[in-house]
């Protein structure tokens, strides 16, 4: 487990935003990504009969749709102990293999920091 207070303030911000999205929308996951200009995109899980996206996939899609060219970092808040392979692939597609992904529990405590690669 990583001490969240030791995180860079911008990384702590995306964890907080991801946690807020999860709680506000009552979804299994919340996520946030930060693009190359510092803009953030926040999303929750999408679970419709015709469309299913994880929170992190949705946040990456929002960044792409808004014109982001790259990602600096990503965060996902979930009960799961690790980021899904599909989520890491989405982050890697936009941000590259070295993009950090912060995986946090519902309490906001960062469990792991991995790269998208």
C-alpha atoms as a PDB file:
ATOM      1  CA  UNK A   1       0.000   0.000   0.000  1.00  0.00           C
ATOM      2  CA  UNK A   2       1.272   3.459  -0.893  1.00  0.00           C
ATOM      3  CA  UNK A   3       0.864   6.381   1.486  1.00  0.00           C
ATOM      4  CA  UNK A   4      -1.496   8.710  -0.404  1.00  0.00           C
ATOM      5  CA  UNK A   5      -0.134  11.742   1.446  1.00  0.00           C
ATOM      6  CA  UNK A   6       3.273  11.027  -0.110  1.00  0.00           C
ATOM      7  CA  UNK A   7       1.844  11.329  -3.626  1.00  0.00           C
ATOM      8  CA  UNK A   8       2.479  14.305  -5.851  1.00  0.00           C
ATOM      9  CA  UNK A   9      -0.415  16.772  -5.310  1.00  0.00           C
ATOM     10  CA  UNK A  10      -1.586  16.354  -8.919  1.00  0.00           C
ATOM     11  CA  UNK A  11      -1.670  12.568  -8.519  1.00  0.00           C
ATOM     12  CA  UNK A  12      -3.541  12.896  -5.235  1.00  0.00           C
ATOM     13  CA  UNK A  13      -6.026  15.122  -7.066  1.00  0.00           C
ATOM     14  CA  UNK A  14      -6.877  12.499  -9.693  1.00  0.00           C
ATOM     15  CA  UNK A  15      -7.305   9.834  -7.003  1.00  0.00           C
ATOM     16  CA  UNK A  16      -9.700  12.157  -5.155  1.00  0.00           C
ATOM     17  CA  UNK A  17     -11.612  12.920  -8.355  1.00  0.00           C
ATOM     18  CA  UNK A  18     -11.878   9.207  -9.201  1.00  0.00           C
ATOM     19  CA  UNK A  19     -13.107   8.411  -5.701  1.00  0.00           C
ATOM     20  CA  UNK A  20     -15.686  11.202  -5.906  1.00  0.00           C
ATOM     21  CA  UNK A  21     -17.001   9.965  -9.276  1.00  0.00           C
ATOM     22  CA  UNK A  22     -17.443   6.458  -7.866  1.00  0.00           C
ATOM     23  CA  UNK A  23     -19.309   7.689  -4.798  1.00  0.00           C
ATOM     24  CA  UNK A  24     -21.398  10.337  -6.551  1.00  0.00           C
ATOM     25  CA  UNK A  25     -22.628   7.987  -9.272  1.00  0.00           C
ATOM     26  CA  UNK A  26     -22.911   4.832  -7.183  1.00  0.00           C
ATOM     27  CA  UNK A  27     -20.857   2.823  -9.674  1.00  0.00           C
ATOM     28  CA  UNK A  28     -18.325   0.040  -9.049  1.00  0.00           C
ATOM     29  CA  UNK A  29     -15.382   2.119 -10.290  1.00  0.00           C
ATOM     30  CA  UNK A  30     -14.372   5.729 -10.621  1.00  0.00           C
ATOM     31  CA  UNK A  31     -11.435   6.933 -12.694  1.00  0.00           C
ATOM     32  CA  UNK A  32      -9.605  10.075 -13.664  1.00  0.00           C
ATOM     33  CA  UNK A  33      -6.865  10.802 -16.165  1.00  0.00           C
ATOM     34  CA  UNK A  34      -4.624  13.844 -16.616  1.00  0.00           C
ATOM     35  CA  UNK A  35      -3.581  14.829 -20.130  1.00  0.00           C
ATOM     36  CA  UNK A  36      -0.377  16.435 -21.373  1.00  0.00           C
ATOM     37  CA  UNK A  37      -1.734  19.930 -20.678  1.00  0.00           C
ATOM     38  CA  UNK A  38      -2.835  19.147 -17.125  1.00  0.00           C
ATOM     39  CA  UNK A  39      -6.545  18.868 -17.911  1.00  0.00           C
ATOM     40  CA  UNK A  40      -8.385  16.127 -16.053  1.00  0.00           C
ATOM     41  CA  UNK A  41     -11.185  13.860 -17.219  1.00  0.00           C
ATOM     42  CA  UNK A  42     -13.313  12.026 -14.661  1.00  0.00           C
ATOM     43  CA  UNK A  43     -15.648   9.105 -15.274  1.00  0.00           C
ATOM     44  CA  UNK A  44     -17.500   6.206 -13.754  1.00  0.00           C
ATOM     45  CA  UNK A  45     -18.331   2.761 -15.014  1.00  0.00           C
ATOM     46  CA  UNK A  46     -20.733   2.656 -18.003  1.00  0.00           C
ATOM     47  CA  UNK A  47     -23.026  -0.359 -17.889  1.00  0.00           C
ATOM     48  CA  UNK A  48     -25.780  -0.183 -20.488  1.00  0.00           C
ATOM     49  CA  UNK A  49     -27.319  -3.095 -22.350  1.00  0.00           C
ATOM     50  CA  UNK A  50     -25.510  -2.038 -25.525  1.00  0.00           C
ATOM     51  CA  UNK A  51     -22.355  -0.441 -24.077  1.00  0.00           C
ATOM     52  CA  UNK A  52     -20.056  -1.581 -21.279  1.00  0.00           C
ATOM     53  CA  UNK A  53     -16.942   0.406 -20.408  1.00  0.00           C
ATOM     54  CA  UNK A  54     -14.843   0.460 -17.302  1.00  0.00           C
ATOM     55  CA  UNK A  55     -14.382   3.800 -15.594  1.00  0.00           C
ATOM     56  CA  UNK A  56     -10.800   4.061 -16.843  1.00  0.00           C
ATOM     57  CA  UNK A  57     -11.785   3.247 -20.428  1.00  0.00           C
ATOM     58  CA  UNK A  58     -14.488   5.915 -20.213  1.00  0.00           C
ATOM     59  CA  UNK A  59     -12.070   8.527 -18.840  1.00  0.00           C
ATOM     60  CA  UNK A  60      -9.570   7.772 -21.626  1.00  0.00           C
ATOM     61  CA  UNK A  61     -12.357   8.012 -24.226  1.00  0.00           C
ATOM     62  CA  UNK A  62     -13.412  11.385 -22.793  1.00  0.00           C
ATOM     63  CA  UNK A  63      -9.827  12.643 -23.038  1.00  0.00           C
ATOM     64  CA  UNK A  64      -9.531  11.492 -26.653  1.00  0.00           C
ATOM     65  CA  UNK A  65     -12.905  13.010 -27.556  1.00  0.00           C
ATOM     66  CA  UNK A  66     -11.751  16.310 -26.041  1.00  0.00           C
ATOM     67  CA  UNK A  67      -8.569  16.400 -28.116  1.00  0.00           C
ATOM     68  CA  UNK A  68      -5.951  15.088 -25.690  1.00  0.00           C
ATOM     69  CA  UNK A  69      -2.785  13.927 -27.429  1.00  0.00           C
ATOM     70  CA  UNK A  70      -1.225  12.074 -24.489  1.00  0.00           C
ATOM     71  CA  UNK A  71      -1.692  11.226 -20.825  1.00  0.00           C
ATOM     72  CA  UNK A  72       0.534  12.088 -17.876  1.00  0.00           C
ATOM     73  CA  UNK A  73      -1.198   9.813 -15.349  1.00  0.00           C
ATOM     74  CA  UNK A  74      -4.324   7.827 -14.581  1.00  0.00           C
ATOM     75  CA  UNK A  75      -6.111   6.702 -11.431  1.00  0.00           C
ATOM     76  CA  UNK A  76      -8.803   4.137 -10.785  1.00  0.00           C
ATOM     77  CA  UNK A  77     -10.736   3.599  -7.550  1.00  0.00           C
ATOM     78  CA  UNK A  78     -12.234   0.149  -7.204  1.00  0.00           C
ATOM     79  CA  UNK A  79     -12.712  -2.827  -4.906  1.00  0.00           C
ATOM     80  CA  UNK A  80     -10.384  -4.723  -7.271  1.00  0.00           C
ATOM     81  CA  UNK A  81      -6.781  -5.025  -6.176  1.00  0.00           C
ATOM     82  CA  UNK A  82      -5.341  -4.371  -9.624  1.00  0.00           C
ATOM     83  CA  UNK A  83      -6.065  -2.534 -12.849  1.00  0.00           C
ATOM     84  CA  UNK A  84      -7.624  -4.680 -15.560  1.00  0.00           C
ATOM     85  CA  UNK A  85      -5.534  -5.556 -18.600  1.00  0.00           C
ATOM     86  CA  UNK A  86      -8.042  -3.743 -20.845  1.00  0.00           C
ATOM     87  CA  UNK A  87      -7.749  -0.601 -18.726  1.00  0.00           C
ATOM     88  CA  UNK A  88      -3.966  -0.602 -18.927  1.00  0.00           C
ATOM     89  CA  UNK A  89      -4.208  -1.070 -22.704  1.00  0.00           C
ATOM     90  CA  UNK A  90      -6.472   1.987 -23.042  1.00  0.00           C
ATOM     91  CA  UNK A  91      -4.077   4.127 -20.992  1.00  0.00           C
ATOM     92  CA  UNK A  92      -1.107   2.790 -22.977  1.00  0.00           C
ATOM     93  CA  UNK A  93      -2.812   3.580 -26.304  1.00  0.00           C
ATOM     94  CA  UNK A  94      -3.000   7.279 -25.437  1.00  0.00           C
ATOM     95  CA  UNK A  95      -0.251   7.790 -22.889  1.00  0.00           C
ATOM     96  CA  UNK A  96       2.391   5.218 -23.753  1.00  0.00           C
ATOM     97  CA  UNK A  97       3.803   2.261 -21.858  1.00  0.00           C
ATOM     98  CA  UNK A  98       5.381   4.368 -19.095  1.00  0.00           C
ATOM     99  CA  UNK A  99       2.210   6.176 -18.041  1.00  0.00           C
ATOM    100  CA  UNK A 100       1.641   5.655 -14.300  1.00  0.00           C
ATOM    101  CA  UNK A 101      -1.685   4.176 -13.213  1.00  0.00           C
ATOM    102  CA  UNK A 102      -2.614   4.628  -9.561  1.00  0.00           C
ATOM    103  CA  UNK A 103      -4.878   1.876  -8.234  1.00  0.00           C
ATOM    104  CA  UNK A 104      -6.778   2.893  -5.108  1.00  0.00           C
ATOM    105  CA  UNK A 105      -9.386   1.335  -2.870  1.00  0.00           C
ATOM    106  CA  UNK A 106     -12.763   2.909  -2.076  1.00  0.00           C
ATOM    107  CA  UNK A 107     -11.180   4.703   0.888  1.00  0.00           C
ATOM    108  CA  UNK A 108      -8.813   6.501  -1.489  1.00  0.00           C
ATOM    109  CA  UNK A 109      -5.757   4.650  -0.235  1.00  0.00           C
ATOM    110  CA  UNK A 110      -3.418   3.884  -3.120  1.00  0.00           C
ATOM    111  CA  UNK A 111      -2.786   0.143  -3.248  1.00  0.00           C
ATOM    112  CA  UNK A 112      -0.392   0.161  -6.169  1.00  0.00           C
ATOM    113  CA  UNK A 113       1.221   2.346  -8.780  1.00  0.00           C
ATOM    114  CA  UNK A 114       1.863   0.482 -12.022  1.00  0.00           C
ATOM    115  CA  UNK A 115       2.741   1.523 -15.534  1.00  0.00           C
ATOM    116  CA  UNK A 116       0.438   1.048 -18.498  1.00  0.00           C
ATOM    117  CA  UNK A 117       3.133  -0.914 -20.301  1.00  0.00           C
END
